[in-house]
N, C-alpha and C. Protein backbone atom coordinates (compact mmCIF):
# COMPACT_ATOMS: atom_id res chain seq x y z
N MET A 1 27.49 -16.29 -9.94
CA MET A 1 26.54 -15.55 -9.18
C MET A 1 26.66 -13.99 -9.64
N SER A 2 25.68 -13.36 -9.94
CA SER A 2 25.66 -11.90 -10.22
C SER A 2 24.86 -10.98 -9.28
N LEU A 3 25.25 -9.85 -9.29
CA LEU A 3 24.62 -8.96 -8.36
C LEU A 3 23.32 -8.38 -9.00
N PHE A 4 23.13 -8.69 -10.37
CA PHE A 4 22.11 -8.18 -11.03
C PHE A 4 21.08 -9.16 -11.43
N GLU A 5 21.21 -10.42 -10.96
CA GLU A 5 20.21 -11.39 -11.20
C GLU A 5 19.73 -11.95 -9.86
N PRO A 6 18.33 -12.20 -9.68
CA PRO A 6 18.00 -12.69 -8.41
C PRO A 6 18.33 -14.06 -8.26
N PRO A 7 18.50 -14.47 -6.86
CA PRO A 7 18.78 -15.85 -6.61
C PRO A 7 17.79 -16.85 -7.38
N ALA A 8 18.23 -18.14 -7.46
CA ALA A 8 17.44 -19.16 -8.19
C ALA A 8 16.06 -19.38 -7.53
N ALA A 9 15.96 -19.10 -6.29
CA ALA A 9 14.81 -19.32 -5.50
C ALA A 9 13.83 -18.29 -5.76
N ASP A 10 14.24 -16.94 -5.89
CA ASP A 10 13.36 -15.86 -6.38
C ASP A 10 12.88 -16.07 -7.73
N LEU A 11 13.74 -16.67 -8.63
CA LEU A 11 13.37 -16.92 -9.91
C LEU A 11 12.19 -17.82 -10.07
N ALA A 12 12.38 -19.02 -9.38
CA ALA A 12 11.32 -20.01 -9.36
C ALA A 12 9.99 -19.42 -8.78
N ARG A 13 9.94 -18.75 -7.71
CA ARG A 13 8.94 -18.11 -7.09
C ARG A 13 8.10 -17.21 -8.13
N LYS A 14 9.06 -16.27 -8.75
CA LYS A 14 8.45 -15.36 -9.62
C LYS A 14 7.81 -15.93 -10.89
N SER A 15 8.35 -17.15 -11.38
CA SER A 15 7.82 -17.78 -12.56
C SER A 15 6.50 -18.43 -12.22
N SER A 16 6.26 -18.74 -10.87
CA SER A 16 5.01 -19.40 -10.59
C SER A 16 3.89 -18.37 -10.33
N GLN A 17 4.21 -17.03 -10.26
CA GLN A 17 3.15 -16.19 -9.99
C GLN A 17 2.95 -15.31 -11.19
N GLN A 18 1.87 -14.67 -11.21
CA GLN A 18 1.45 -13.93 -12.38
C GLN A 18 2.30 -12.58 -12.43
N PRO A 19 2.54 -12.10 -13.61
CA PRO A 19 3.38 -10.77 -13.45
C PRO A 19 2.51 -9.62 -13.07
N SER A 20 3.06 -8.82 -12.46
CA SER A 20 2.13 -7.61 -11.93
C SER A 20 2.89 -6.41 -12.42
N ALA A 21 2.03 -5.35 -12.64
CA ALA A 21 2.51 -4.12 -13.02
C ALA A 21 3.20 -3.42 -11.88
N PRO A 22 4.32 -2.66 -12.27
CA PRO A 22 4.92 -2.01 -10.99
C PRO A 22 4.06 -0.91 -10.46
N SER A 23 4.30 -0.75 -9.27
CA SER A 23 3.47 0.29 -8.61
C SER A 23 3.74 1.79 -9.08
N PRO A 24 2.87 2.64 -9.04
CA PRO A 24 3.29 4.08 -9.50
C PRO A 24 4.45 4.60 -8.67
N LEU A 25 5.25 5.48 -9.36
CA LEU A 25 6.41 5.99 -8.75
C LEU A 25 5.95 6.71 -7.31
N ALA A 26 4.87 7.51 -7.42
CA ALA A 26 4.46 8.13 -6.24
C ALA A 26 4.35 7.11 -5.04
N ASP A 27 3.85 6.05 -5.19
CA ASP A 27 3.70 4.98 -4.24
C ASP A 27 5.03 4.50 -3.73
N ARG A 28 5.96 4.20 -4.72
CA ARG A 28 7.24 3.77 -4.37
C ARG A 28 8.18 4.82 -3.72
N MET A 29 7.76 6.08 -3.69
CA MET A 29 8.52 7.12 -3.15
C MET A 29 7.97 7.64 -2.00
N ARG A 30 6.76 7.15 -1.67
CA ARG A 30 5.91 7.82 -0.42
C ARG A 30 6.77 7.65 0.83
N PRO A 31 6.82 8.47 1.70
CA PRO A 31 7.55 8.31 2.99
C PRO A 31 6.75 7.36 3.82
N GLU A 32 7.54 6.50 4.51
CA GLU A 32 6.85 5.50 5.37
C GLU A 32 6.97 5.76 6.99
N THR A 33 7.74 6.82 7.37
CA THR A 33 7.83 7.01 8.78
C THR A 33 7.78 8.52 8.88
N ILE A 34 7.51 8.96 10.23
CA ILE A 34 7.38 10.35 10.47
C ILE A 34 8.64 11.09 10.04
N GLU A 35 9.76 10.34 10.24
CA GLU A 35 11.08 10.96 9.97
C GLU A 35 11.37 11.24 8.63
N GLU A 36 10.74 10.44 7.70
CA GLU A 36 10.79 10.65 6.26
C GLU A 36 9.88 11.63 5.69
N TYR A 37 8.71 11.97 6.50
CA TYR A 37 7.80 12.82 6.03
C TYR A 37 8.39 14.34 6.05
N VAL A 38 8.10 15.00 4.98
CA VAL A 38 8.56 16.48 4.97
C VAL A 38 7.54 17.37 5.03
N GLY A 39 7.77 18.46 5.83
CA GLY A 39 6.82 19.54 5.96
C GLY A 39 6.03 19.40 7.33
N GLN A 40 5.18 20.32 7.63
CA GLN A 40 4.53 20.52 8.76
C GLN A 40 5.23 20.32 9.97
N VAL A 41 6.51 20.90 10.09
CA VAL A 41 7.34 20.74 11.18
C VAL A 41 6.85 21.46 12.40
N HIS A 42 5.96 22.29 12.25
CA HIS A 42 5.41 23.07 13.37
C HIS A 42 4.49 22.18 14.11
N ILE A 43 3.97 21.07 13.48
CA ILE A 43 3.10 20.15 14.35
C ILE A 43 3.81 18.70 14.52
N LEU A 44 4.61 18.51 13.45
CA LEU A 44 5.13 17.10 13.40
C LEU A 44 6.68 17.05 13.78
N GLY A 45 7.26 18.18 14.08
CA GLY A 45 8.67 18.14 14.46
C GLY A 45 8.86 17.36 15.80
N PRO A 46 9.96 17.14 16.14
CA PRO A 46 10.28 16.30 17.49
C PRO A 46 9.77 17.24 18.67
N GLY A 47 8.93 16.76 19.48
CA GLY A 47 8.37 17.37 20.59
C GLY A 47 7.10 18.19 20.24
N LYS A 48 6.74 18.23 19.20
CA LYS A 48 5.44 19.12 18.77
C LYS A 48 4.20 18.22 18.99
N PRO A 49 3.07 19.01 19.11
CA PRO A 49 1.87 18.23 19.58
C PRO A 49 1.41 17.03 18.85
N LEU A 50 1.31 17.05 17.50
CA LEU A 50 0.73 15.96 16.74
C LEU A 50 1.76 14.76 16.86
N ARG A 51 2.96 15.09 16.80
CA ARG A 51 4.05 14.13 16.89
C ARG A 51 3.98 13.41 18.14
N LYS A 52 3.87 14.14 19.29
CA LYS A 52 3.77 13.45 20.57
C LYS A 52 2.57 12.55 20.77
N GLN A 53 1.33 13.06 20.17
CA GLN A 53 0.19 12.23 20.15
C GLN A 53 0.37 11.01 19.40
N ILE A 54 1.01 11.03 18.21
CA ILE A 54 1.28 9.71 17.43
C ILE A 54 2.19 8.86 18.27
N GLU A 55 3.23 9.35 18.72
CA GLU A 55 4.22 8.61 19.44
C GLU A 55 3.77 7.98 20.75
N ARG A 56 2.79 8.67 21.37
CA ARG A 56 2.14 8.11 22.58
C ARG A 56 1.06 7.22 22.23
N ASP A 57 0.52 7.33 20.93
CA ASP A 57 -0.58 6.45 20.57
C ASP A 57 -1.80 6.97 21.23
N GLU A 58 -1.99 8.32 21.37
CA GLU A 58 -3.16 8.92 22.04
C GLU A 58 -3.87 9.76 20.96
N LEU A 59 -4.15 9.26 19.74
CA LEU A 59 -4.82 10.17 18.83
C LEU A 59 -6.26 10.11 18.91
N ALA A 60 -6.99 11.07 18.67
CA ALA A 60 -8.49 11.10 18.52
C ALA A 60 -8.80 11.43 17.03
N SER A 61 -10.15 11.65 16.67
CA SER A 61 -10.51 11.88 15.30
C SER A 61 -9.86 13.19 14.93
N MET A 62 -9.56 13.40 13.68
CA MET A 62 -9.10 14.67 13.11
C MET A 62 -9.45 14.70 11.61
N ILE A 63 -9.32 16.03 11.27
CA ILE A 63 -9.53 16.30 9.80
C ILE A 63 -8.21 16.94 9.30
N LEU A 64 -7.82 16.30 8.28
CA LEU A 64 -6.55 16.77 7.51
C LEU A 64 -6.98 17.58 6.38
N TRP A 65 -6.53 18.91 6.25
CA TRP A 65 -7.13 19.59 5.37
C TRP A 65 -5.89 20.30 4.41
N GLY A 66 -5.90 20.32 3.30
CA GLY A 66 -4.87 20.94 2.38
C GLY A 66 -5.13 20.62 0.97
N PRO A 67 -4.33 21.42 0.02
CA PRO A 67 -4.50 20.94 -1.29
C PRO A 67 -4.04 19.65 -1.83
N PRO A 68 -4.50 19.18 -3.07
CA PRO A 68 -4.11 17.73 -3.56
C PRO A 68 -2.43 17.79 -3.36
N GLY A 69 -1.98 16.66 -3.19
CA GLY A 69 -0.51 16.49 -3.05
C GLY A 69 0.32 17.11 -1.98
N SER A 70 -0.41 17.46 -0.87
CA SER A 70 0.19 18.03 0.29
C SER A 70 0.54 17.01 1.27
N GLY A 71 0.20 15.79 1.15
CA GLY A 71 0.56 14.69 2.08
C GLY A 71 -0.46 14.26 3.06
N LYS A 72 -1.56 14.48 2.75
CA LYS A 72 -2.70 14.11 3.72
C LYS A 72 -2.82 12.63 3.83
N THR A 73 -2.96 12.01 2.60
CA THR A 73 -2.89 10.55 2.71
C THR A 73 -1.72 9.85 3.25
N THR A 74 -0.66 10.33 2.86
CA THR A 74 0.65 9.80 3.39
C THR A 74 0.75 9.94 4.84
N LEU A 75 0.41 11.09 5.35
CA LEU A 75 0.36 11.30 6.80
C LEU A 75 -0.62 10.24 7.58
N ALA A 76 -1.86 10.05 6.87
CA ALA A 76 -2.74 9.10 7.55
C ALA A 76 -2.15 7.59 7.53
N THR A 77 -1.69 7.37 6.50
CA THR A 77 -0.97 6.01 6.36
C THR A 77 0.13 5.86 7.50
N ILE A 78 0.91 6.88 7.45
CA ILE A 78 2.00 6.80 8.56
C ILE A 78 1.50 6.68 9.99
N ILE A 79 0.41 7.42 10.27
CA ILE A 79 -0.24 7.32 11.58
C ILE A 79 -0.70 5.99 11.75
N ALA A 80 -1.46 5.52 10.71
CA ALA A 80 -1.92 4.04 10.90
C ALA A 80 -0.92 3.06 11.20
N ARG A 81 0.24 3.11 10.48
CA ARG A 81 1.31 2.13 10.68
C ARG A 81 1.95 2.33 12.03
N LYS A 82 2.12 3.60 12.34
CA LYS A 82 2.92 3.89 13.67
C LYS A 82 2.10 3.42 14.89
N THR A 83 0.69 3.47 14.68
CA THR A 83 -0.24 3.12 15.91
C THR A 83 -0.68 1.65 15.72
N ARG A 84 -0.16 0.95 14.72
CA ARG A 84 -0.63 -0.50 14.40
C ARG A 84 -2.07 -0.56 14.22
N SER A 85 -2.61 0.21 13.49
CA SER A 85 -4.20 0.30 13.14
C SER A 85 -4.30 -0.10 11.70
N GLU A 86 -5.56 -0.66 11.38
CA GLU A 86 -5.95 -0.90 10.04
C GLU A 86 -6.06 0.54 9.35
N PHE A 87 -5.86 0.52 8.09
CA PHE A 87 -5.99 1.74 7.35
C PHE A 87 -6.89 1.50 6.19
N VAL A 88 -7.99 2.15 6.33
CA VAL A 88 -9.02 2.09 5.36
C VAL A 88 -9.22 3.34 4.44
N ARG A 89 -8.84 3.29 3.22
CA ARG A 89 -8.98 4.59 2.43
C ARG A 89 -10.37 4.58 1.71
N PHE A 90 -11.11 5.66 1.76
CA PHE A 90 -12.35 5.88 1.33
C PHE A 90 -12.62 6.90 0.47
N SER A 91 -13.21 7.05 -0.64
CA SER A 91 -13.51 8.20 -1.46
C SER A 91 -15.04 8.62 -1.43
N ALA A 92 -15.29 9.85 -0.89
CA ALA A 92 -16.63 10.26 -0.76
C ALA A 92 -17.31 10.48 -2.31
N VAL A 93 -16.36 10.56 -3.15
CA VAL A 93 -16.87 10.94 -4.63
C VAL A 93 -17.40 9.53 -5.13
N LEU A 94 -16.82 8.45 -4.87
CA LEU A 94 -17.14 7.09 -5.34
C LEU A 94 -18.03 6.25 -4.55
N SER A 95 -18.14 6.65 -3.28
CA SER A 95 -19.07 5.83 -2.40
C SER A 95 -19.92 6.67 -1.43
N GLY A 96 -20.83 6.08 -0.84
CA GLY A 96 -21.95 6.82 -0.08
C GLY A 96 -21.84 6.27 1.26
N ILE A 97 -22.85 6.72 2.06
CA ILE A 97 -23.14 6.52 3.47
C ILE A 97 -23.27 4.97 3.76
N LYS A 98 -23.93 4.26 2.84
CA LYS A 98 -24.01 2.82 3.03
C LYS A 98 -22.54 2.23 3.13
N GLU A 99 -21.61 2.52 2.36
CA GLU A 99 -20.36 1.91 2.39
C GLU A 99 -19.59 2.40 3.68
N ILE A 100 -19.75 3.69 4.17
CA ILE A 100 -19.27 4.00 5.37
C ILE A 100 -19.78 3.33 6.53
N LYS A 101 -21.20 3.02 6.47
CA LYS A 101 -21.72 2.29 7.67
C LYS A 101 -21.10 0.69 7.66
N GLU A 102 -20.93 0.23 6.53
CA GLU A 102 -20.16 -1.16 6.46
C GLU A 102 -18.77 -1.07 6.90
N VAL A 103 -18.13 -0.10 6.60
CA VAL A 103 -16.73 -0.01 7.12
C VAL A 103 -16.67 0.08 8.67
N MET A 104 -17.58 1.07 9.06
CA MET A 104 -17.74 1.31 10.53
C MET A 104 -18.18 0.11 11.37
N ALA A 105 -19.02 -0.74 10.76
CA ALA A 105 -19.37 -1.95 11.38
C ALA A 105 -18.18 -2.95 11.47
N THR A 106 -17.37 -3.13 10.41
CA THR A 106 -16.15 -3.77 10.37
C THR A 106 -15.17 -3.33 11.52
N ALA A 107 -15.09 -2.04 11.53
CA ALA A 107 -14.14 -1.36 12.40
C ALA A 107 -14.49 -1.57 13.95
N GLU A 108 -15.79 -1.62 14.04
CA GLU A 108 -16.19 -2.01 15.49
C GLU A 108 -15.92 -3.48 15.90
N LYS A 109 -16.10 -4.37 14.90
CA LYS A 109 -15.81 -5.80 15.13
C LYS A 109 -14.28 -5.94 15.31
N MET A 110 -13.59 -5.18 14.60
CA MET A 110 -12.11 -5.25 14.91
C MET A 110 -11.68 -4.73 16.23
N ARG A 111 -12.39 -3.66 16.72
CA ARG A 111 -12.10 -2.99 17.97
C ARG A 111 -12.44 -3.98 19.01
N GLN A 112 -13.45 -4.88 18.93
CA GLN A 112 -13.57 -5.81 20.00
C GLN A 112 -12.50 -6.92 20.13
N TYR A 113 -11.63 -7.03 18.97
CA TYR A 113 -10.35 -7.90 19.06
C TYR A 113 -9.17 -7.11 19.37
N GLY A 114 -9.33 -5.87 19.85
CA GLY A 114 -8.24 -4.96 20.19
C GLY A 114 -7.50 -4.26 18.85
N ARG A 115 -8.08 -4.44 17.82
CA ARG A 115 -7.47 -3.81 16.63
C ARG A 115 -8.28 -2.54 16.10
N ARG A 116 -7.55 -1.41 16.04
CA ARG A 116 -8.20 -0.15 15.90
C ARG A 116 -8.15 0.03 14.23
N THR A 117 -8.98 1.04 13.81
CA THR A 117 -8.91 1.36 12.49
C THR A 117 -8.68 2.94 12.16
N VAL A 118 -7.99 3.27 11.24
CA VAL A 118 -7.89 4.59 10.75
C VAL A 118 -8.71 4.58 9.41
N LEU A 119 -9.85 5.38 9.57
CA LEU A 119 -10.75 5.65 8.27
C LEU A 119 -10.25 6.81 7.65
N PHE A 120 -9.75 6.89 6.47
CA PHE A 120 -9.44 8.06 5.69
C PHE A 120 -10.52 8.28 4.74
N ILE A 121 -11.25 9.42 4.88
CA ILE A 121 -12.25 9.82 3.78
C ILE A 121 -11.76 10.77 3.00
N ASP A 122 -11.48 10.60 1.78
CA ASP A 122 -10.94 11.48 0.82
C ASP A 122 -12.20 12.39 0.18
N GLU A 123 -11.88 13.70 -0.04
CA GLU A 123 -13.06 14.34 -0.59
C GLU A 123 -14.34 14.27 0.27
N ILE A 124 -14.22 14.59 1.59
CA ILE A 124 -15.35 14.44 2.55
C ILE A 124 -16.43 15.44 2.28
N HIS A 125 -15.94 16.61 1.80
CA HIS A 125 -16.88 17.72 1.41
C HIS A 125 -17.74 17.40 0.42
N ARG A 126 -17.65 16.40 -0.38
CA ARG A 126 -18.67 15.90 -1.45
C ARG A 126 -19.74 15.14 -0.93
N PHE A 127 -19.81 14.75 0.28
CA PHE A 127 -21.01 14.31 1.03
C PHE A 127 -22.03 15.31 1.21
N ASN A 128 -23.31 15.06 0.99
CA ASN A 128 -24.45 16.12 1.22
C ASN A 128 -24.87 15.67 2.58
N LYS A 129 -25.76 16.58 3.21
CA LYS A 129 -26.32 16.42 4.52
C LYS A 129 -27.21 15.20 4.72
N ALA A 130 -27.77 14.84 3.66
CA ALA A 130 -28.68 13.68 3.86
C ALA A 130 -27.80 12.40 4.15
């Protein structure tokens, strides 16, 4: 038995599956809890407003604004996980109103079964008024 080789059951399972590419480093290093999230202590620190809303599961719609790489997607993912909600990531650059309406219809169906949805629209400013 070796510490550096997976157990035989893992080897058998992996050999039956197609090999997959490893996920990007940023995805593997992404914080998964509020405690692991770095920054925004003024609203996410213990006892602060947004943290309390997340912990009490009393969130409403919100807009996360900031430069690329500031943690908007990560925070939305953490919120969805903490509130046991479905997380749907959406790009306004690549999609349109039709796709949002489809996602909203699905979210409405999920809500009827007691399951909420966090809809994260990246680059929302790319949508036009039409």
